[in-house]
Amino acid sequence: MNIDLETIVSRVLLVIGVLILIPVFALGALAISARASDGPSVIFSGGPLVAGELVTGPEPDWSFVRDVRVFELQLLDPPRSRTLWIVEHEGKLYLNSNYMGGLRERLWKKWPAQAERDGRAIMRIDGKRYERTLVRIKTGPIVESITAEFTRKYGVEMTPAEVEAEELWLFEMAPPGANITGGAR
């Protein structure tokens, strides 16, 4: 049997190519599947949040959020959902987006800019959905309190300086129709 070096190399490259393509196609299929699903998967954004009671009426007592590590958030435009961190401070809800400092991060994380343009959203916690309006917070004394609460809850240091440098974006999750002056604060 006479197999030349060129044949061996071409077969090895073919096997390597197939081994690389299998996980690429699998991840692509998972990403496409997640976009059509009710809610996000662990690493991929998902489709619209449709399951669960839509809670209306007066604002609930959000203190239970202190025991919630992550929640699901869906923007209405575009209708995609993701899993995020949440804190409650003085009866109001807040979320954050880290790693916003560079062009790569802003291209990778499109939802914060989309939320700043159109803050209409739905969040789901413990199987219940709530309509929200996301309002970006850029300055003010509340920034120190919110970053301290995120640091306390998640053990990852967040500072007002990061908010000022636009490396960390903060959003209040206000009730729909709330009297919000001037958009981003």
C-alpha atoms as a PDB file:
ATOM      1  CA  MET A   1       0.000   0.000   0.000  1.00  0.00           C
ATOM      2  CA  ASN A   2       1.522   3.209  -1.161  1.00  0.00           C
ATOM      3  CA  ILE A   3      -0.034   6.367   0.370  1.00  0.00           C
ATOM      4  CA  ASP A   4       1.801   9.580  -0.302  1.00  0.00           C
ATOM      5  CA  LEU A   5       2.257  12.492   2.089  1.00  0.00           C
ATOM      6  CA  GLU A   6      -0.126  14.725   0.128  1.00  0.00           C
ATOM      7  CA  THR A   7      -3.000  12.262   0.578  1.00  0.00           C
ATOM      8  CA  ILE A   8      -2.351  11.981   4.319  1.00  0.00           C
ATOM      9  CA  VAL A   9      -2.228  15.765   4.767  1.00  0.00           C
ATOM     10  CA  SER A  10      -5.434  16.290   2.764  1.00  0.00           C
ATOM     11  CA  ARG A  11      -7.286  13.637   4.821  1.00  0.00           C
ATOM     12  CA  VAL A  12      -6.049  15.087   8.121  1.00  0.00           C
ATOM     13  CA  LEU A  13      -7.141  18.579   7.033  1.00  0.00           C
ATOM     14  CA  LEU A  14     -10.537  17.214   6.010  1.00  0.00           C
ATOM     15  CA  VAL A  15     -11.020  15.592   9.429  1.00  0.00           C
ATOM     16  CA  ILE A  16      -9.914  18.780  11.209  1.00  0.00           C
ATOM     17  CA  GLY A  17     -12.287  20.846   9.050  1.00  0.00           C
ATOM     18  CA  VAL A  18     -15.225  18.566   9.853  1.00  0.00           C
ATOM     19  CA  LEU A  19     -14.367  18.627  13.570  1.00  0.00           C
ATOM     20  CA  ILE A  20     -14.354  22.438  13.509  1.00  0.00           C
ATOM     21  CA  LEU A  21     -17.594  22.725  11.527  1.00  0.00           C
ATOM     22  CA  ILE A  22     -19.613  20.440  13.827  1.00  0.00           C
ATOM     23  CA  PRO A  23     -19.579  22.791  16.857  1.00  0.00           C
ATOM     24  CA  VAL A  24     -19.952  25.861  14.608  1.00  0.00           C
ATOM     25  CA  PHE A  25     -23.138  24.448  13.075  1.00  0.00           C
ATOM     26  CA  ALA A  26     -24.385  23.251  16.468  1.00  0.00           C
ATOM     27  CA  LEU A  27     -23.923  26.706  18.032  1.00  0.00           C
ATOM     28  CA  GLY A  28     -25.559  28.334  15.013  1.00  0.00           C
ATOM     29  CA  ALA A  29     -28.553  26.011  15.304  1.00  0.00           C
ATOM     30  CA  LEU A  30     -28.843  26.765  19.040  1.00  0.00           C
ATOM     31  CA  ALA A  31     -28.713  30.524  18.371  1.00  0.00           C
ATOM     32  CA  ILE A  32     -31.424  30.296  15.709  1.00  0.00           C
ATOM     33  CA  SER A  33     -33.541  28.051  17.943  1.00  0.00           C
ATOM     34  CA  ALA A  34     -33.195  30.473  20.881  1.00  0.00           C
ATOM     35  CA  ARG A  35     -34.446  33.406  18.785  1.00  0.00           C
ATOM     36  CA  ALA A  36     -37.640  31.473  18.120  1.00  0.00           C
ATOM     37  CA  SER A  37     -38.071  30.433  21.762  1.00  0.00           C
ATOM     38  CA  ASP A  38     -40.056  31.999  24.583  1.00  0.00           C
ATOM     39  CA  GLY A  39     -37.187  33.625  26.434  1.00  0.00           C
ATOM     40  CA  PRO A  40     -33.409  33.444  26.299  1.00  0.00           C
ATOM     41  CA  SER A  41     -31.160  30.445  26.696  1.00  0.00           C
ATOM     42  CA  VAL A  42     -28.086  30.498  28.883  1.00  0.00           C
ATOM     43  CA  ILE A  43     -25.831  32.192  26.317  1.00  0.00           C
ATOM     44  CA  PHE A  44     -28.123  33.275  23.474  1.00  0.00           C
ATOM     45  CA  SER A  45     -30.779  35.958  23.339  1.00  0.00           C
ATOM     46  CA  GLY A  46     -34.261  34.581  22.879  1.00  0.00           C
ATOM     47  CA  GLY A  47     -37.554  35.519  21.365  1.00  0.00           C
ATOM     48  CA  PRO A  48     -40.447  37.423  22.882  1.00  0.00           C
ATOM     49  CA  LEU A  49     -41.576  36.601  26.414  1.00  0.00           C
ATOM     50  CA  VAL A  50     -45.061  35.159  25.968  1.00  0.00           C
ATOM     51  CA  ALA A  51     -45.584  32.688  28.813  1.00  0.00           C
ATOM     52  CA  GLY A  52     -46.688  33.803  32.244  1.00  0.00           C
ATOM     53  CA  GLU A  53     -49.343  36.055  33.688  1.00  0.00           C
ATOM     54  CA  LEU A  54     -49.086  39.699  32.575  1.00  0.00           C
ATOM     55  CA  VAL A  55     -49.344  41.620  35.849  1.00  0.00           C
ATOM     56  CA  THR A  56     -51.187  44.935  35.615  1.00  0.00           C
ATOM     57  CA  GLY A  57     -52.429  47.413  38.173  1.00  0.00           C
ATOM     58  CA  PRO A  58     -50.529  49.155  40.948  1.00  0.00           C
ATOM     59  CA  GLU A  59     -46.801  48.654  41.372  1.00  0.00           C
ATOM     60  CA  PRO A  60     -45.984  45.598  43.465  1.00  0.00           C
ATOM     61  CA  ASP A  61     -43.675  45.607  46.451  1.00  0.00           C
ATOM     62  CA  TRP A  62     -40.404  44.890  44.643  1.00  0.00           C
ATOM     63  CA  SER A  63     -38.512  43.907  47.795  1.00  0.00           C
ATOM     64  CA  PHE A  64     -38.706  40.243  46.707  1.00  0.00           C
ATOM     65  CA  VAL A  65     -36.220  41.114  43.937  1.00  0.00           C
ATOM     66  CA  ARG A  66     -33.474  41.201  46.570  1.00  0.00           C
ATOM     67  CA  ASP A  67     -33.541  37.379  46.420  1.00  0.00           C
ATOM     68  CA  VAL A  68     -33.655  37.193  42.579  1.00  0.00           C
ATOM     69  CA  ARG A  69     -30.228  36.735  40.939  1.00  0.00           C
ATOM     70  CA  VAL A  70     -31.284  37.094  37.290  1.00  0.00           C
ATOM     71  CA  PHE A  71     -34.426  37.933  35.370  1.00  0.00           C
ATOM     72  CA  GLU A  72     -35.528  37.942  31.745  1.00  0.00           C
ATOM     73  CA  LEU A  73     -35.939  41.190  29.830  1.00  0.00           C
ATOM     74  CA  GLN A  74     -37.438  41.651  26.396  1.00  0.00           C
ATOM     75  CA  LEU A  75     -37.323  44.884  24.457  1.00  0.00           C
ATOM     76  CA  LEU A  76     -40.373  45.546  22.311  1.00  0.00           C
ATOM     77  CA  ASP A  77     -38.217  46.849  19.457  1.00  0.00           C
ATOM     78  CA  PRO A  78     -36.548  44.552  18.546  1.00  0.00           C
ATOM     79  CA  PRO A  79     -38.524  41.781  20.282  1.00  0.00           C
ATOM     80  CA  ARG A  80     -35.595  39.821  21.722  1.00  0.00           C
ATOM     81  CA  SER A  81     -35.043  38.695  25.283  1.00  0.00           C
ATOM     82  CA  ARG A  82     -31.982  38.215  27.442  1.00  0.00           C
ATOM     83  CA  THR A  83     -31.039  37.311  31.008  1.00  0.00           C
ATOM     84  CA  LEU A  84     -29.737  40.176  33.174  1.00  0.00           C
ATOM     85  CA  TRP A  85     -28.925  41.234  36.721  1.00  0.00           C
ATOM     86  CA  ILE A  86     -31.431  43.267  38.714  1.00  0.00           C
ATOM     87  CA  VAL A  87     -31.477  45.273  41.931  1.00  0.00           C
ATOM     88  CA  GLU A  88     -34.193  47.001  43.914  1.00  0.00           C
ATOM     89  CA  HIS A  89     -33.458  50.315  45.624  1.00  0.00           C
ATOM     90  CA  GLU A  90     -36.051  52.373  47.498  1.00  0.00           C
ATOM     91  CA  GLY A  91     -38.926  50.584  45.775  1.00  0.00           C
ATOM     92  CA  LYS A  92     -37.582  50.994  42.232  1.00  0.00           C
ATOM     93  CA  LEU A  93     -35.932  48.480  39.902  1.00  0.00           C
ATOM     94  CA  TYR A  94     -32.604  48.887  38.127  1.00  0.00           C
ATOM     95  CA  LEU A  95     -30.510  46.893  35.671  1.00  0.00           C
ATOM     96  CA  ASN A  96     -27.038  47.380  34.253  1.00  0.00           C
ATOM     97  CA  SER A  97     -24.935  46.657  31.207  1.00  0.00           C
ATOM     98  CA  ASN A  98     -21.212  46.226  31.846  1.00  0.00           C
ATOM     99  CA  TYR A  99     -18.350  46.382  29.361  1.00  0.00           C
ATOM    100  CA  MET A 100     -19.720  49.284  27.329  1.00  0.00           C
ATOM    101  CA  GLY A 101     -16.400  51.152  27.074  1.00  0.00           C
ATOM    102  CA  GLY A 102     -15.202  50.239  23.609  1.00  0.00           C
ATOM    103  CA  LEU A 103     -16.463  49.917  20.063  1.00  0.00           C
ATOM    104  CA  ARG A 104     -16.202  46.108  20.195  1.00  0.00           C
ATOM    105  CA  GLU A 105     -18.405  45.994  23.276  1.00  0.00           C
ATOM    106  CA  ARG A 106     -20.990  48.364  21.825  1.00  0.00           C
ATOM    107  CA  LEU A 107     -21.144  46.276  18.639  1.00  0.00           C
ATOM    108  CA  TRP A 108     -21.439  43.074  20.672  1.00  0.00           C
ATOM    109  CA  LYS A 109     -24.053  44.456  23.068  1.00  0.00           C
ATOM    110  CA  LYS A 110     -26.681  46.174  20.965  1.00  0.00           C
ATOM    111  CA  TRP A 111     -29.561  45.995  23.421  1.00  0.00           C
ATOM    112  CA  PRO A 112     -28.472  48.940  25.638  1.00  0.00           C
ATOM    113  CA  ALA A 113     -28.483  51.400  22.716  1.00  0.00           C
ATOM    114  CA  GLN A 114     -31.793  49.935  21.524  1.00  0.00           C
ATOM    115  CA  ALA A 115     -33.227  50.383  25.027  1.00  0.00           C
ATOM    116  CA  GLU A 116     -32.003  53.970  25.142  1.00  0.00           C
ATOM    117  CA  ARG A 117     -33.809  54.688  21.834  1.00  0.00           C
ATOM    118  CA  ASP A 118     -37.041  52.868  22.713  1.00  0.00           C
ATOM    119  CA  GLY A 119     -37.301  51.894  26.361  1.00  0.00           C
ATOM    120  CA  ARG A 120     -40.497  49.849  26.100  1.00  0.00           C
ATOM    121  CA  ALA A 121     -39.865  46.429  27.596  1.00  0.00           C
ATOM    122  CA  ILE A 122     -41.337  43.396  29.286  1.00  0.00           C
ATOM    123  CA  MET A 123     -39.606  41.660  32.153  1.00  0.00           C
ATOM    124  CA  ARG A 124     -40.334  38.214  33.526  1.00  0.00           C
ATOM    125  CA  ILE A 125     -39.583  37.187  37.090  1.00  0.00           C
ATOM    126  CA  ASP A 126     -40.801  33.946  38.658  1.00  0.00           C
ATOM    127  CA  GLY A 127     -43.104  33.272  35.695  1.00  0.00           C
ATOM    128  CA  LYS A 128     -44.845  36.667  35.861  1.00  0.00           C
ATOM    129  CA  ARG A 129     -44.478  39.367  33.211  1.00  0.00           C
ATOM    130  CA  TYR A 130     -44.441  43.115  33.861  1.00  0.00           C
ATOM    131  CA  GLU A 131     -44.454  45.982  31.377  1.00  0.00           C
ATOM    132  CA  ARG A 132     -41.607  48.437  31.960  1.00  0.00           C
ATOM    133  CA  THR A 133     -40.035  51.554  30.529  1.00  0.00           C
ATOM    134  CA  LEU A 134     -36.236  51.565  30.579  1.00  0.00           C
ATOM    135  CA  VAL A 135     -34.693  54.945  31.333  1.00  0.00           C
ATOM    136  CA  ARG A 136     -30.935  55.322  31.201  1.00  0.00           C
ATOM    137  CA  ILE A 137     -29.320  56.966  34.227  1.00  0.00           C
ATOM    138  CA  LYS A 138     -26.073  58.801  33.527  1.00  0.00           C
ATOM    139  CA  THR A 139     -25.617  61.141  36.485  1.00  0.00           C
ATOM    140  CA  GLY A 140     -26.953  62.122  39.860  1.00  0.00           C
ATOM    141  CA  PRO A 141     -26.704  60.989  43.461  1.00  0.00           C
ATOM    142  CA  ILE A 142     -28.721  57.849  42.675  1.00  0.00           C
ATOM    143  CA  VAL A 143     -25.775  56.460  40.659  1.00  0.00           C
ATOM    144  CA  GLU A 144     -23.695  55.896  43.788  1.00  0.00           C
ATOM    145  CA  SER A 145     -26.543  54.107  45.557  1.00  0.00           C
ATOM    146  CA  ILE A 146     -27.326  51.848  42.589  1.00  0.00           C
ATOM    147  CA  THR A 147     -23.703  50.890  41.878  1.00  0.00           C
ATOM    148  CA  ALA A 148     -23.233  50.118  45.581  1.00  0.00           C
ATOM    149  CA  GLU A 149     -26.313  47.884  45.536  1.00  0.00           C
ATOM    150  CA  PHE A 150     -25.052  45.968  42.477  1.00  0.00           C
ATOM    151  CA  THR A 151     -21.643  45.584  44.158  1.00  0.00           C
ATOM    152  CA  ARG A 152     -23.248  44.309  47.358  1.00  0.00           C
ATOM    153  CA  LYS A 153     -25.607  41.886  45.645  1.00  0.00           C
ATOM    154  CA  TYR A 154     -23.304  40.419  43.002  1.00  0.00           C
ATOM    155  CA  GLY A 155     -19.832  40.847  44.520  1.00  0.00           C
ATOM    156  CA  VAL A 156     -18.528  42.616  41.413  1.00  0.00           C
ATOM    157  CA  GLU A 157     -17.327  46.142  42.063  1.00  0.00           C
ATOM    158  CA  MET A 158     -19.289  48.755  40.126  1.00  0.00           C
ATOM    159  CA  THR A 159     -18.533  52.436  40.564  1.00  0.00           C
ATOM    160  CA  PRO A 160     -19.995  55.824  39.642  1.00  0.00           C
ATOM    161  CA  ALA A 161     -16.730  56.508  37.770  1.00  0.00           C
ATOM    162  CA  GLU A 162     -17.555  53.616  35.401  1.00  0.00           C
ATOM    163  CA  VAL A 163     -20.973  55.146  34.752  1.00  0.00           C
ATOM    164  CA  GLU A 164     -19.410  58.557  34.113  1.00  0.00           C
ATOM    165  CA  ALA A 165     -16.893  56.965  31.703  1.00  0.00           C
ATOM    166  CA  GLU A 166     -19.808  55.142  29.971  1.00  0.00           C
ATOM    167  CA  GLU A 167     -18.222  51.754  30.639  1.00  0.00           C
ATOM    168  CA  LEU A 168     -21.229  50.815  32.795  1.00  0.00           C
ATOM    169  CA  TRP A 169     -24.741  51.747  31.736  1.00  0.00           C
ATOM    170  CA  LEU A 170     -27.543  51.877  34.292  1.00  0.00           C
ATOM    171  CA  PHE A 171     -31.274  51.800  33.585  1.00  0.00           C
ATOM    172  CA  GLU A 172     -34.250  52.382  35.823  1.00  0.00           C
ATOM    173  CA  MET A 173     -37.096  50.010  34.981  1.00  0.00           C
ATOM    174  CA  ALA A 174     -39.987  52.393  35.479  1.00  0.00           C
ATOM    175  CA  PRO A 175     -43.647  51.457  35.112  1.00  0.00           C
ATOM    176  CA  PRO A 176     -45.144  52.202  31.680  1.00  0.00           C
ATOM    177  CA  GLY A 177     -46.467  55.711  31.398  1.00  0.00           C
ATOM    178  CA  ALA A 178     -44.393  56.919  34.340  1.00  0.00           C
ATOM    179  CA  ASN A 179     -43.775  60.641  34.399  1.00  0.00           C
ATOM    180  CA  ILE A 180     -40.155  60.627  33.237  1.00  0.00           C
ATOM    181  CA  THR A 181     -38.595  63.930  32.374  1.00  0.00           C
ATOM    182  CA  GLY A 182     -36.043  64.260  29.633  1.00  0.00           C
ATOM    183  CA  GLY A 183     -35.302  60.604  28.762  1.00  0.00           C
ATOM    184  CA  ALA A 184     -31.758  59.766  29.883  1.00  0.00           C
ATOM    185  CA  ARG A 185     -30.923  61.273  33.211  1.00  0.00           C
END
